[in-house]
């Protein structure tokens, strides 16, 4: 979506055989369709977060009470957001906490951090969603910043870098082709790997994150000679306003093609449509797949916000979204 996770963790290859191991901050890898920790398959439940605007203890504590495993962090001003050190006030008047500070806060709660590039300079004109990476005017400078992130976190395996948020238009009116996706993603993955960073890299699919067909067409070949690549799918109207049979078939197809995926965003509202993510969430849970909600936010007037201002789950006109996702997260730890 564009802008207008030491505790025990439950792991399972199937929900009938669930065991508990202590999660390690080392040894996150991708093998086949699975995310592994210390060579054991894990299922992770998390949420997208705005900790760059306030790496608050209270937010991290609440995420801990929901037993969140991942914070996928919105980084909307890559150009100015500090990597380390004290907060700064950017040219838009926002106070931005350093990436390392965000990571440290998540790590205190044994939570993986996904740092995701959402926007170049904090303005709506440079939001990444719906853009072609290599055709943006800031792409060369962005790769320099991305490489600096990779250098900072290359010895911190609980930090995963997502190369771009929701590339390419939802309707392909920009002339999108799978060949363009391959070139763009290769350029950014190579940029990270050239630093010696071997941690998990998140690679988005097409049509602003919702079209997995590029993964079916090119995902296997893209993985050749690469390690620790995890594909990101965003489940909004193209996933939630279809039949349950369609959802099941598409998940089966991803599994048949041996593609490692995380659902990096899902929510009950997008493009003005109220949706119900319940069936998809059940399917992902039963298959041991990892998923993050949009968005960890305290606002009962925001349909997608997981919490109300008082800190309780937000179930206001959103198909009980807050309680639904909280229950999923707790169930993943206590199946």
C-alpha atoms as a PDB file:
ATOM      1  CA  UNK A   1       0.000   0.000   0.000  1.00  0.00           C
ATOM      2  CA  UNK A   2       1.218   3.476  -0.675  1.00  0.00           C
ATOM      3  CA  UNK A   3       1.129   6.331   1.886  1.00  0.00           C
ATOM      4  CA  UNK A   4      -2.388   9.709   0.885  1.00  0.00           C
ATOM      5  CA  UNK A   5       9.333  -8.784  14.526  1.00  0.00           C
ATOM      6  CA  UNK A   6      14.681 -14.312  23.303  1.00  0.00           C
ATOM      7  CA  UNK A   7      11.019 -15.506  23.102  1.00  0.00           C
ATOM      8  CA  UNK A   8       9.953 -18.980  22.033  1.00  0.00           C
ATOM      9  CA  UNK A   9       8.538 -19.238  18.547  1.00  0.00           C
ATOM     10  CA  UNK A  10       6.308 -21.982  17.229  1.00  0.00           C
ATOM     11  CA  UNK A  11       7.451 -23.621  14.035  1.00  0.00           C
ATOM     12  CA  UNK A  12       5.816 -26.153  11.828  1.00  0.00           C
ATOM     13  CA  UNK A  13       6.027 -27.932   8.508  1.00  0.00           C
ATOM     14  CA  UNK A  14       2.407 -28.849   9.050  1.00  0.00           C
ATOM     15  CA  UNK A  15      -0.006 -27.692  11.697  1.00  0.00           C
ATOM     16  CA  UNK A  16      -0.267 -31.254  12.960  1.00  0.00           C
ATOM     17  CA  UNK A  17       3.417 -31.288  13.988  1.00  0.00           C
ATOM     18  CA  UNK A  18       4.231 -28.073  15.804  1.00  0.00           C
ATOM     19  CA  UNK A  19       7.218 -27.799  18.092  1.00  0.00           C
ATOM     20  CA  UNK A  20       8.798 -24.957  20.039  1.00  0.00           C
ATOM     21  CA  UNK A  21      12.375 -23.783  19.692  1.00  0.00           C
ATOM     22  CA  UNK A  22      14.079 -20.642  20.962  1.00  0.00           C
ATOM     23  CA  UNK A  23      14.422 -18.230  18.074  1.00  0.00           C
ATOM     24  CA  UNK A  24      17.993 -17.246  17.242  1.00  0.00           C
ATOM     25  CA  UNK A  25      19.083 -13.871  15.922  1.00  0.00           C
ATOM     26  CA  UNK A  26      21.389 -15.769  13.562  1.00  0.00           C
ATOM     27  CA  UNK A  27      20.747 -18.213  10.784  1.00  0.00           C
ATOM     28  CA  UNK A  28      17.761 -16.854   8.885  1.00  0.00           C
ATOM     29  CA  UNK A  29      17.742 -18.478   5.456  1.00  0.00           C
ATOM     30  CA  UNK A  30      15.359 -19.358   2.646  1.00  0.00           C
ATOM     31  CA  UNK A  31      15.145 -22.916   1.347  1.00  0.00           C
ATOM     32  CA  UNK A  32      12.578 -23.964  -1.216  1.00  0.00           C
ATOM     33  CA  UNK A  33       9.304 -22.391  -0.147  1.00  0.00           C
ATOM     34  CA  UNK A  34      10.294 -22.043   3.507  1.00  0.00           C
ATOM     35  CA  UNK A  35      11.884 -19.438   5.758  1.00  0.00           C
ATOM     36  CA  UNK A  36      14.292 -21.149   8.125  1.00  0.00           C
ATOM     37  CA  UNK A  37      15.787 -20.169  11.452  1.00  0.00           C
ATOM     38  CA  UNK A  38      18.687 -22.338  12.571  1.00  0.00           C
ATOM     39  CA  UNK A  39      17.667 -24.692   9.743  1.00  0.00           C
ATOM     40  CA  UNK A  40      14.130 -25.091  11.128  1.00  0.00           C
ATOM     41  CA  UNK A  41      11.059 -23.839   9.200  1.00  0.00           C
ATOM     42  CA  UNK A  42       9.291 -20.911  10.833  1.00  0.00           C
ATOM     43  CA  UNK A  43       6.038 -19.066  10.272  1.00  0.00           C
ATOM     44  CA  UNK A  44       6.185 -15.346  10.983  1.00  0.00           C
ATOM     45  CA  UNK A  45       3.308 -12.970  11.685  1.00  0.00           C
ATOM     46  CA  UNK A  46       3.921  -9.223  11.712  1.00  0.00           C
ATOM     47  CA  UNK A  47       2.761  -5.770  10.764  1.00  0.00           C
ATOM     48  CA  UNK A  48       3.873  -2.752   8.784  1.00  0.00           C
ATOM     49  CA  UNK A  49       5.019   0.032  11.090  1.00  0.00           C
ATOM     50  CA  UNK A  50       5.931   3.721  11.114  1.00  0.00           C
ATOM     51  CA  UNK A  51       8.774   3.564  13.623  1.00  0.00           C
ATOM     52  CA  UNK A  52      10.879   5.908  11.501  1.00  0.00           C
ATOM     53  CA  UNK A  53       8.586   8.703  12.730  1.00  0.00           C
ATOM     54  CA  UNK A  54       8.825   7.584  16.362  1.00  0.00           C
ATOM     55  CA  UNK A  55      10.754   4.538  17.543  1.00  0.00           C
ATOM     56  CA  UNK A  56       8.483   4.433  20.566  1.00  0.00           C
ATOM     57  CA  UNK A  57       8.756   1.956  23.388  1.00  0.00           C
ATOM     58  CA  UNK A  58       4.964   1.817  23.786  1.00  0.00           C
ATOM     59  CA  UNK A  59       4.444   0.705  20.193  1.00  0.00           C
ATOM     60  CA  UNK A  60       7.066  -2.004  20.538  1.00  0.00           C
ATOM     61  CA  UNK A  61       5.531  -3.150  23.821  1.00  0.00           C
ATOM     62  CA  UNK A  62       2.091  -3.437  22.234  1.00  0.00           C
ATOM     63  CA  UNK A  63       3.530  -5.375  19.302  1.00  0.00           C
ATOM     64  CA  UNK A  64       5.135  -7.662  21.871  1.00  0.00           C
ATOM     65  CA  UNK A  65       1.759  -8.291  23.544  1.00  0.00           C
ATOM     66  CA  UNK A  66       0.392  -9.334  20.146  1.00  0.00           C
ATOM     67  CA  UNK A  67       3.480 -11.592  19.780  1.00  0.00           C
ATOM     68  CA  UNK A  68       4.484 -10.021  16.471  1.00  0.00           C
ATOM     69  CA  UNK A  69       7.541 -11.587  14.812  1.00  0.00           C
ATOM     70  CA  UNK A  70       8.188  -8.937  12.128  1.00  0.00           C
ATOM     71  CA  UNK A  71       8.014  -5.176  11.755  1.00  0.00           C
ATOM     72  CA  UNK A  72       8.034  -4.198   8.082  1.00  0.00           C
ATOM     73  CA  UNK A  73       9.182  -0.617   8.407  1.00  0.00           C
ATOM     74  CA  UNK A  74       7.931   2.231   6.229  1.00  0.00           C
ATOM     75  CA  UNK A  75      10.937   4.314   5.159  1.00  0.00           C
ATOM     76  CA  UNK A  76       9.422   7.200   3.234  1.00  0.00           C
ATOM     77  CA  UNK A  77      12.369   9.591   3.049  1.00  0.00           C
ATOM     78  CA  UNK A  78      15.304   7.419   2.060  1.00  0.00           C
ATOM     79  CA  UNK A  79      17.257  10.474   0.945  1.00  0.00           C
ATOM     80  CA  UNK A  80      17.402  11.990   4.451  1.00  0.00           C
ATOM     81  CA  UNK A  81      16.582   9.213   6.917  1.00  0.00           C
ATOM     82  CA  UNK A  82      19.702   8.703   9.060  1.00  0.00           C
ATOM     83  CA  UNK A  83      21.194   5.247   9.177  1.00  0.00           C
ATOM     84  CA  UNK A  84      22.617   5.624  12.678  1.00  0.00           C
ATOM     85  CA  UNK A  85      22.777   8.213  15.427  1.00  0.00           C
ATOM     86  CA  UNK A  86      20.236  10.679  16.776  1.00  0.00           C
ATOM     87  CA  UNK A  87      16.892  11.641  15.208  1.00  0.00           C
ATOM     88  CA  UNK A  88      16.939  14.446  12.655  1.00  0.00           C
ATOM     89  CA  UNK A  89      14.310  16.849  11.355  1.00  0.00           C
ATOM     90  CA  UNK A  90      13.991  16.404   7.611  1.00  0.00           C
ATOM     91  CA  UNK A  91      13.247  19.053   4.983  1.00  0.00           C
ATOM     92  CA  UNK A  92       9.517  18.303   5.311  1.00  0.00           C
ATOM     93  CA  UNK A  93       9.514  19.074   9.026  1.00  0.00           C
ATOM     94  CA  UNK A  94       9.265  15.449  10.165  1.00  0.00           C
ATOM     95  CA  UNK A  95      11.490  13.983  12.853  1.00  0.00           C
ATOM     96  CA  UNK A  96      13.090  10.773  11.603  1.00  0.00           C
ATOM     97  CA  UNK A  97      14.677   8.126  13.791  1.00  0.00           C
ATOM     98  CA  UNK A  98      17.720   6.294  12.530  1.00  0.00           C
ATOM     99  CA  UNK A  99      17.385   2.890  10.905  1.00  0.00           C
ATOM    100  CA  UNK A 100      19.692   1.384  13.516  1.00  0.00           C
ATOM    101  CA  UNK A 101      17.525   2.801  16.313  1.00  0.00           C
ATOM    102  CA  UNK A 102      14.449   1.222  14.725  1.00  0.00           C
ATOM    103  CA  UNK A 103      16.233  -2.110  14.364  1.00  0.00           C
ATOM    104  CA  UNK A 104      17.502  -1.988  17.942  1.00  0.00           C
ATOM    105  CA  UNK A 105      13.973  -1.393  19.257  1.00  0.00           C
ATOM    106  CA  UNK A 106      12.609  -4.332  17.309  1.00  0.00           C
ATOM    107  CA  UNK A 107      15.530  -6.540  18.298  1.00  0.00           C
ATOM    108  CA  UNK A 108      14.899  -5.884  22.003  1.00  0.00           C
ATOM    109  CA  UNK A 109      11.574  -7.614  21.423  1.00  0.00           C
ATOM    110  CA  UNK A 110      13.134 -10.401  19.337  1.00  0.00           C
ATOM    111  CA  UNK A 111      11.436  -9.036  16.238  1.00  0.00           C
ATOM    112  CA  UNK A 112      12.786  -9.224  12.706  1.00  0.00           C
ATOM    113  CA  UNK A 113      12.997  -5.890  10.894  1.00  0.00           C
ATOM    114  CA  UNK A 114      12.210  -5.526   7.214  1.00  0.00           C
ATOM    115  CA  UNK A 115      13.460  -2.148   6.017  1.00  0.00           C
ATOM    116  CA  UNK A 116      11.370  -1.207   3.001  1.00  0.00           C
ATOM    117  CA  UNK A 117      11.884   1.681   0.600  1.00  0.00           C
ATOM    118  CA  UNK A 118       8.537   3.479   0.251  1.00  0.00           C
ATOM    119  CA  UNK A 119       9.617   6.925  -0.967  1.00  0.00           C
ATOM    120  CA  UNK A 120      12.672   8.880  -1.982  1.00  0.00           C
ATOM    121  CA  UNK A 121      12.329  12.272  -0.269  1.00  0.00           C
ATOM    122  CA  UNK A 122       9.191  12.071   1.851  1.00  0.00           C
ATOM    123  CA  UNK A 123       6.889  13.757  -0.664  1.00  0.00           C
ATOM    124  CA  UNK A 124       3.968  12.235  -2.538  1.00  0.00           C
ATOM    125  CA  UNK A 125       5.724  12.934  -5.852  1.00  0.00           C
ATOM    126  CA  UNK A 126       8.472  10.408  -5.080  1.00  0.00           C
ATOM    127  CA  UNK A 127       6.482   7.546  -3.579  1.00  0.00           C
ATOM    128  CA  UNK A 128       7.724   4.251  -5.000  1.00  0.00           C
ATOM    129  CA  UNK A 129       4.347   2.546  -5.445  1.00  0.00           C
ATOM    130  CA  UNK A 130       3.334   2.276  -9.101  1.00  0.00           C
ATOM    131  CA  UNK A 131       6.708   3.385 -10.450  1.00  0.00           C
ATOM    132  CA  UNK A 132       9.270   1.705 -12.683  1.00  0.00           C
ATOM    133  CA  UNK A 133      12.446   1.716 -10.581  1.00  0.00           C
ATOM    134  CA  UNK A 134      15.045   2.277 -13.316  1.00  0.00           C
ATOM    135  CA  UNK A 135      12.970   5.026 -14.912  1.00  0.00           C
ATOM    136  CA  UNK A 136      12.763   7.183 -11.799  1.00  0.00           C
ATOM    137  CA  UNK A 137      15.008  10.233 -11.668  1.00  0.00           C
ATOM    138  CA  UNK A 138      16.387   9.166  -8.282  1.00  0.00           C
ATOM    139  CA  UNK A 139      17.230   5.535  -9.112  1.00  0.00           C
ATOM    140  CA  UNK A 140      21.007   5.968  -9.275  1.00  0.00           C
ATOM    141  CA  UNK A 141      21.073   7.879  -5.992  1.00  0.00           C
ATOM    142  CA  UNK A 142      18.704   5.391  -4.421  1.00  0.00           C
ATOM    143  CA  UNK A 143      21.041   2.503  -5.229  1.00  0.00           C
ATOM    144  CA  UNK A 144      23.813   4.345  -3.405  1.00  0.00           C
ATOM    145  CA  UNK A 145      21.572   4.670  -0.336  1.00  0.00           C
ATOM    146  CA  UNK A 146      20.459   1.047  -0.609  1.00  0.00           C
ATOM    147  CA  UNK A 147      24.081  -0.044  -0.672  1.00  0.00           C
ATOM    148  CA  UNK A 148      24.764   2.000   2.467  1.00  0.00           C
ATOM    149  CA  UNK A 149      21.868   0.166   4.175  1.00  0.00           C
ATOM    150  CA  UNK A 150      23.352  -3.140   3.052  1.00  0.00           C
ATOM    151  CA  UNK A 151      26.748  -2.230   4.496  1.00  0.00           C
ATOM    152  CA  UNK A 152      25.279  -1.115   7.815  1.00  0.00           C
ATOM    153  CA  UNK A 153      23.256  -4.286   8.338  1.00  0.00           C
ATOM    154  CA  UNK A 154      25.328  -6.961   6.624  1.00  0.00           C
ATOM    155  CA  UNK A 155      26.307  -8.488   9.969  1.00  0.00           C
ATOM    156  CA  UNK A 156      22.796  -8.168  11.425  1.00  0.00           C
ATOM    157  CA  UNK A 157      20.887 -11.162  10.013  1.00  0.00           C
ATOM    158  CA  UNK A 158      17.598 -10.194  11.660  1.00  0.00           C
ATOM    159  CA  UNK A 159      17.466  -7.196   9.290  1.00  0.00           C
ATOM    160  CA  UNK A 160      16.033  -7.946   5.854  1.00  0.00           C
ATOM    161  CA  UNK A 161      16.074  -5.387   3.053  1.00  0.00           C
ATOM    162  CA  UNK A 162      13.152  -5.014   0.660  1.00  0.00           C
ATOM    163  CA  UNK A 163      14.374  -3.462  -2.552  1.00  0.00           C
ATOM    164  CA  UNK A 164      11.241  -1.499  -3.535  1.00  0.00           C
ATOM    165  CA  UNK A 165       7.647  -1.066  -2.417  1.00  0.00           C
ATOM    166  CA  UNK A 166       4.957  -2.020  -4.947  1.00  0.00           C
ATOM    167  CA  UNK A 167       6.671  -1.369  -8.292  1.00  0.00           C
ATOM    168  CA  UNK A 168       4.806  -0.947 -11.614  1.00  0.00           C
ATOM    169  CA  UNK A 169       1.260   0.224 -12.224  1.00  0.00           C
ATOM    170  CA  UNK A 170      -1.676  -1.965 -11.236  1.00  0.00           C
ATOM    171  CA  UNK A 171      -3.007  -1.842 -14.842  1.00  0.00           C
ATOM    172  CA  UNK A 172       0.357  -2.169 -16.666  1.00  0.00           C
ATOM    173  CA  UNK A 173      -0.338   1.097 -18.490  1.00  0.00           C
ATOM    174  CA  UNK A 174       3.340   1.987 -18.010  1.00  0.00           C
ATOM    175  CA  UNK A 175       4.415  -0.644 -20.545  1.00  0.00           C
ATOM    176  CA  UNK A 176       5.444  -3.183 -17.946  1.00  0.00           C
ATOM    177  CA  UNK A 177       6.995  -6.471 -19.061  1.00  0.00           C
ATOM    178  CA  UNK A 178       8.503  -9.306 -17.063  1.00  0.00           C
ATOM    179  CA  UNK A 179      11.845  -8.521 -18.700  1.00  0.00           C
ATOM    180  CA  UNK A 180      11.750  -5.049 -17.104  1.00  0.00           C
ATOM    181  CA  UNK A 181      11.033  -6.637 -13.710  1.00  0.00           C
ATOM    182  CA  UNK A 182      14.015  -8.980 -14.113  1.00  0.00           C
ATOM    183  CA  UNK A 183      16.389  -6.143 -15.017  1.00  0.00           C
ATOM    184  CA  UNK A 184      15.225  -3.883 -12.185  1.00  0.00           C
ATOM    185  CA  UNK A 185      15.248  -6.563  -9.499  1.00  0.00           C
ATOM    186  CA  UNK A 186      18.615  -7.938 -10.603  1.00  0.00           C
ATOM    187  CA  UNK A 187      20.121  -4.448 -10.428  1.00  0.00           C
ATOM    188  CA  UNK A 188      18.950  -3.918  -6.845  1.00  0.00           C
ATOM    189  CA  UNK A 189      19.720  -7.406  -5.553  1.00  0.00           C
ATOM    190  CA  UNK A 190      23.216  -7.254  -7.065  1.00  0.00           C
ATOM    191  CA  UNK A 191      23.693  -3.829  -5.496  1.00  0.00           C
ATOM    192  CA  UNK A 192      23.076  -5.321  -2.063  1.00  0.00           C
ATOM    193  CA  UNK A 193      25.069  -8.520  -2.568  1.00  0.00           C
ATOM    194  CA  UNK A 194      28.111  -6.561  -3.780  1.00  0.00           C
ATOM    195  CA  UNK A 195      28.561  -5.325  -0.191  1.00  0.00           C
ATOM    196  CA  UNK A 196      28.950  -8.859   1.119  1.00  0.00           C
ATOM    197  CA  UNK A 197      25.510  -8.762   2.742  1.00  0.00           C
ATOM    198  CA  UNK A 198      24.120 -12.324   2.643  1.00  0.00           C
ATOM    199  CA  UNK A 199      20.920 -11.774   4.651  1.00  0.00           C
ATOM    200  CA  UNK A 200      17.438 -12.271   3.270  1.00  0.00           C
ATOM    201  CA  UNK A 201      16.408  -9.852   0.517  1.00  0.00           C
ATOM    202  CA  UNK A 202      12.719  -9.202  -0.167  1.00  0.00           C
ATOM    203  CA  UNK A 203      11.788  -8.863  -3.838  1.00  0.00           C
ATOM    204  CA  UNK A 204       8.303  -7.532  -4.736  1.00  0.00           C
ATOM    205  CA  UNK A 205       6.125  -8.831  -7.550  1.00  0.00           C
ATOM    206  CA  UNK A 206       4.319  -6.752 -10.192  1.00  0.00           C
ATOM    207  CA  UNK A 207       1.179  -4.588 -10.482  1.00  0.00           C
ATOM    208  CA  UNK A 208       1.919  -2.696  -7.260  1.00  0.00           C
ATOM    209  CA  UNK A 209       2.630  -5.920  -5.436  1.00  0.00           C
ATOM    210  CA  UNK A 210      -0.579  -7.793  -6.239  1.00  0.00           C
ATOM    211  CA  UNK A 211       0.306  -9.750  -9.384  1.00  0.00           C
ATOM    212  CA  UNK A 212       2.252 -12.919  -8.750  1.00  0.00           C
ATOM    213  CA  UNK A 213       2.224 -14.022 -12.414  1.00  0.00           C
ATOM    214  CA  UNK A 214       5.773 -12.711 -12.871  1.00  0.00           C
ATOM    215  CA  UNK A 215       6.833 -15.111 -10.139  1.00  0.00           C
ATOM    216  CA  UNK A 216       5.132 -18.012 -11.885  1.00  0.00           C
ATOM    217  CA  UNK A 217       6.704 -16.977 -15.214  1.00  0.00           C
ATOM    218  CA  UNK A 218      10.167 -15.899 -14.106  1.00  0.00           C
ATOM    219  CA  UNK A 219      10.524 -16.518 -10.382  1.00  0.00           C
ATOM    220  CA  UNK A 220      12.370 -19.820 -10.653  1.00  0.00           C
ATOM    221  CA  UNK A 221      14.893 -18.599 -13.202  1.00  0.00           C
ATOM    222  CA  UNK A 222      15.447 -15.391 -11.204  1.00  0.00           C
ATOM    223  CA  UNK A 223      16.499 -17.475  -8.201  1.00  0.00           C
ATOM    224  CA  UNK A 224      19.264 -19.222 -10.155  1.00  0.00           C
ATOM    225  CA  UNK A 225      22.680 -18.542  -8.569  1.00  0.00           C
ATOM    226  CA  UNK A 226      21.025 -16.484  -5.812  1.00  0.00           C
ATOM    227  CA  UNK A 227      20.500 -17.267  -2.147  1.00  0.00           C
ATOM    228  CA  UNK A 228      18.114 -15.992   0.514  1.00  0.00           C
ATOM    229  CA  UNK A 229      15.581 -14.360  -1.801  1.00  0.00           C
ATOM    230  CA  UNK A 230      12.013 -14.052  -0.540  1.00  0.00           C
ATOM    231  CA  UNK A 231       9.229 -12.805  -2.806  1.00  0.00           C
ATOM    232  CA  UNK A 232       6.661 -10.314  -1.506  1.00  0.00           C
ATOM    233  CA  UNK A 233       2.969 -10.387  -2.481  1.00  0.00           C
ATOM    234  CA  UNK A 234       0.424  -7.772  -1.388  1.00  0.00           C
ATOM    235  CA  UNK A 235      -3.115  -9.037  -0.959  1.00  0.00           C
ATOM    236  CA  UNK A 236      -5.719  -6.400  -1.600  1.00  0.00           C
ATOM    237  CA  UNK A 237      -8.613  -6.333  -4.081  1.00  0.00           C
ATOM    238  CA  UNK A 238      -6.891  -8.573  -6.655  1.00  0.00           C
ATOM    239  CA  UNK A 239      -6.663 -11.241  -3.982  1.00  0.00           C
ATOM    240  CA  UNK A 240      -9.583 -10.519  -1.682  1.00  0.00           C
ATOM    241  CA  UNK A 241     -12.355  -9.712  -4.181  1.00  0.00           C
ATOM    242  CA  UNK A 242     -12.097 -13.093  -5.897  1.00  0.00           C
ATOM    243  CA  UNK A 243     -13.524 -16.501  -5.079  1.00  0.00           C
ATOM    244  CA  UNK A 244     -12.078 -18.705  -2.368  1.00  0.00           C
ATOM    245  CA  UNK A 245     -11.385 -21.251  -5.087  1.00  0.00           C
ATOM    246  CA  UNK A 246      -9.281 -18.689  -6.953  1.00  0.00           C
ATOM    247  CA  UNK A 247      -7.257 -17.897  -3.820  1.00  0.00           C
ATOM    248  CA  UNK A 248      -6.629 -21.575  -3.139  1.00  0.00           C
ATOM    249  CA  UNK A 249      -5.596 -22.244  -6.731  1.00  0.00           C
ATOM    250  CA  UNK A 250      -3.120 -19.368  -6.782  1.00  0.00           C
ATOM    251  CA  UNK A 251      -1.526 -20.430  -3.513  1.00  0.00           C
ATOM    252  CA  UNK A 252      -1.291 -23.989  -4.846  1.00  0.00           C
ATOM    253  CA  UNK A 253       0.425 -22.692  -7.977  1.00  0.00           C
ATOM    254  CA  UNK A 254       3.044 -20.820  -5.949  1.00  0.00           C
ATOM    255  CA  UNK A 255       3.713 -23.961  -3.935  1.00  0.00           C
ATOM    256  CA  UNK A 256       3.916 -26.171  -7.030  1.00  0.00           C
ATOM    257  CA  UNK A 257       6.508 -23.818  -8.511  1.00  0.00           C
ATOM    258  CA  UNK A 258       8.540 -23.999  -5.280  1.00  0.00           C
ATOM    259  CA  UNK A 259       8.454 -20.228  -4.819  1.00  0.00           C
ATOM    260  CA  UNK A 260       9.321 -18.697  -1.422  1.00  0.00           C
ATOM    261  CA  UNK A 261       6.812 -15.964  -0.597  1.00  0.00           C
ATOM    262  CA  UNK A 262       5.742 -13.713   2.221  1.00  0.00           C
ATOM    263  CA  UNK A 263       2.515 -11.726   2.089  1.00  0.00           C
ATOM    264  CA  UNK A 264       4.017  -8.386   3.064  1.00  0.00           C
ATOM    265  CA  UNK A 265       0.728  -6.489   3.187  1.00  0.00           C
ATOM    266  CA  UNK A 266      -2.956  -7.217   3.514  1.00  0.00           C
ATOM    267  CA  UNK A 267      -5.856  -5.207   4.921  1.00  0.00           C
ATOM    268  CA  UNK A 268      -9.637  -4.874   4.662  1.00  0.00           C
ATOM    269  CA  UNK A 269      -9.602  -1.684   2.595  1.00  0.00           C
ATOM    270  CA  UNK A 270      -7.937  -0.574  -0.636  1.00  0.00           C
ATOM    271  CA  UNK A 271      -9.105   1.681  -3.467  1.00  0.00           C
ATOM    272  CA  UNK A 272     -12.321   2.348  -1.524  1.00  0.00           C
ATOM    273  CA  UNK A 273     -13.382  -1.308  -1.394  1.00  0.00           C
ATOM    274  CA  UNK A 274     -14.209  -2.998   1.912  1.00  0.00           C
ATOM    275  CA  UNK A 275     -12.847  -6.548   1.876  1.00  0.00           C
ATOM    276  CA  UNK A 276     -12.571  -9.497   4.205  1.00  0.00           C
ATOM    277  CA  UNK A 277      -9.092 -11.058   4.497  1.00  0.00           C
ATOM    278  CA  UNK A 278     -10.278 -13.905   6.750  1.00  0.00           C
ATOM    279  CA  UNK A 279     -10.233 -16.758   4.201  1.00  0.00           C
ATOM    280  CA  UNK A 280      -6.800 -15.802   2.897  1.00  0.00           C
ATOM    281  CA  UNK A 281      -5.385 -15.517   6.419  1.00  0.00           C
ATOM    282  CA  UNK A 282      -6.746 -18.953   7.292  1.00  0.00           C
ATOM    283  CA  UNK A 283      -5.173 -20.424   4.167  1.00  0.00           C
ATOM    284  CA  UNK A 284      -1.817 -18.808   4.866  1.00  0.00           C
ATOM    285  CA  UNK A 285      -1.839 -19.991   8.469  1.00  0.00           C
ATOM    286  CA  UNK A 286      -2.723 -23.555   7.530  1.00  0.00           C
ATOM    287  CA  UNK A 287       0.046 -23.602   4.916  1.00  0.00           C
ATOM    288  CA  UNK A 288       2.640 -22.202   7.328  1.00  0.00           C
ATOM    289  CA  UNK A 289       3.073 -19.017   5.286  1.00  0.00           C
ATOM    290  CA  UNK A 290       4.203 -15.724   6.774  1.00  0.00           C
ATOM    291  CA  UNK A 291       2.153 -12.530   6.552  1.00  0.00           C
ATOM    292  CA  UNK A 292       2.219  -8.886   7.667  1.00  0.00           C
ATOM    293  CA  UNK A 293      -0.797  -6.648   8.201  1.00  0.00           C
ATOM    294  CA  UNK A 294      -1.204  -3.098   7.007  1.00  0.00           C
ATOM    295  CA  UNK A 295      -0.935  -1.175   9.382  1.00  0.00           C
ATOM    296  CA  UNK A 296       0.320  -0.918  12.975  1.00  0.00           C
ATOM    297  CA  UNK A 297      -1.426   2.310  13.832  1.00  0.00           C
ATOM    298  CA  UNK A 298      -3.651   3.641  16.633  1.00  0.00           C
ATOM    299  CA  UNK A 299      -6.685   5.222  14.942  1.00  0.00           C
ATOM    300  CA  UNK A 300     -10.240   3.889  15.007  1.00  0.00           C
ATOM    301  CA  UNK A 301     -11.084   6.218  12.121  1.00  0.00           C
ATOM    302  CA  UNK A 302      -8.622   4.445   9.819  1.00  0.00           C
ATOM    303  CA  UNK A 303     -10.173   1.250   8.465  1.00  0.00           C
ATOM    304  CA  UNK A 304      -6.785  -0.470   8.135  1.00  0.00           C
ATOM    305  CA  UNK A 305      -5.396   0.560  11.520  1.00  0.00           C
ATOM    306  CA  UNK A 306      -4.970  -2.464  13.777  1.00  0.00           C
ATOM    307  CA  UNK A 307      -5.609  -0.527  16.994  1.00  0.00           C
ATOM    308  CA  UNK A 308      -7.751   2.246  18.392  1.00  0.00           C
ATOM    309  CA  UNK A 309      -6.086   5.097  20.253  1.00  0.00           C
ATOM    310  CA  UNK A 310      -6.674   3.352  23.594  1.00  0.00           C
ATOM    311  CA  UNK A 311      -4.539   0.443  22.390  1.00  0.00           C
ATOM    312  CA  UNK A 312      -7.301  -2.132  21.875  1.00  0.00           C
ATOM    313  CA  UNK A 313      -7.919  -3.916  18.551  1.00  0.00           C
ATOM    314  CA  UNK A 314      -9.663  -1.745  15.961  1.00  0.00           C
ATOM    315  CA  UNK A 315     -12.861  -3.480  14.821  1.00  0.00           C
ATOM    316  CA  UNK A 316     -14.691  -0.405  13.552  1.00  0.00           C
ATOM    317  CA  UNK A 317     -16.413  -0.972  10.192  1.00  0.00           C
ATOM    318  CA  UNK A 318     -13.574  -3.189   8.967  1.00  0.00           C
ATOM    319  CA  UNK A 319     -14.727  -6.804   9.334  1.00  0.00           C
ATOM    320  CA  UNK A 320     -13.235  -6.924  12.840  1.00  0.00           C
ATOM    321  CA  UNK A 321      -9.768  -6.422  11.397  1.00  0.00           C
ATOM    322  CA  UNK A 322      -7.916  -5.730  14.643  1.00  0.00           C
ATOM    323  CA  UNK A 323      -9.241  -8.753  16.508  1.00  0.00           C
ATOM    324  CA  UNK A 324      -8.919 -10.973  13.445  1.00  0.00           C
ATOM    325  CA  UNK A 325      -5.228 -10.240  13.003  1.00  0.00           C
ATOM    326  CA  UNK A 326      -4.418 -10.269  16.708  1.00  0.00           C
ATOM    327  CA  UNK A 327      -6.019 -13.705  16.997  1.00  0.00           C
ATOM    328  CA  UNK A 328      -3.987 -14.924  14.026  1.00  0.00           C
ATOM    329  CA  UNK A 329      -0.731 -13.723  15.586  1.00  0.00           C
ATOM    330  CA  UNK A 330      -1.507 -15.291  18.955  1.00  0.00           C
ATOM    331  CA  UNK A 331      -2.653 -18.526  17.336  1.00  0.00           C
ATOM    332  CA  UNK A 332       0.600 -18.786  15.374  1.00  0.00           C
ATOM    333  CA  UNK A 333       2.445 -18.779  18.695  1.00  0.00           C
ATOM    334  CA  UNK A 334      -0.109 -20.988  20.452  1.00  0.00           C
ATOM    335  CA  UNK A 335      -1.577 -23.348  17.840  1.00  0.00           C
END
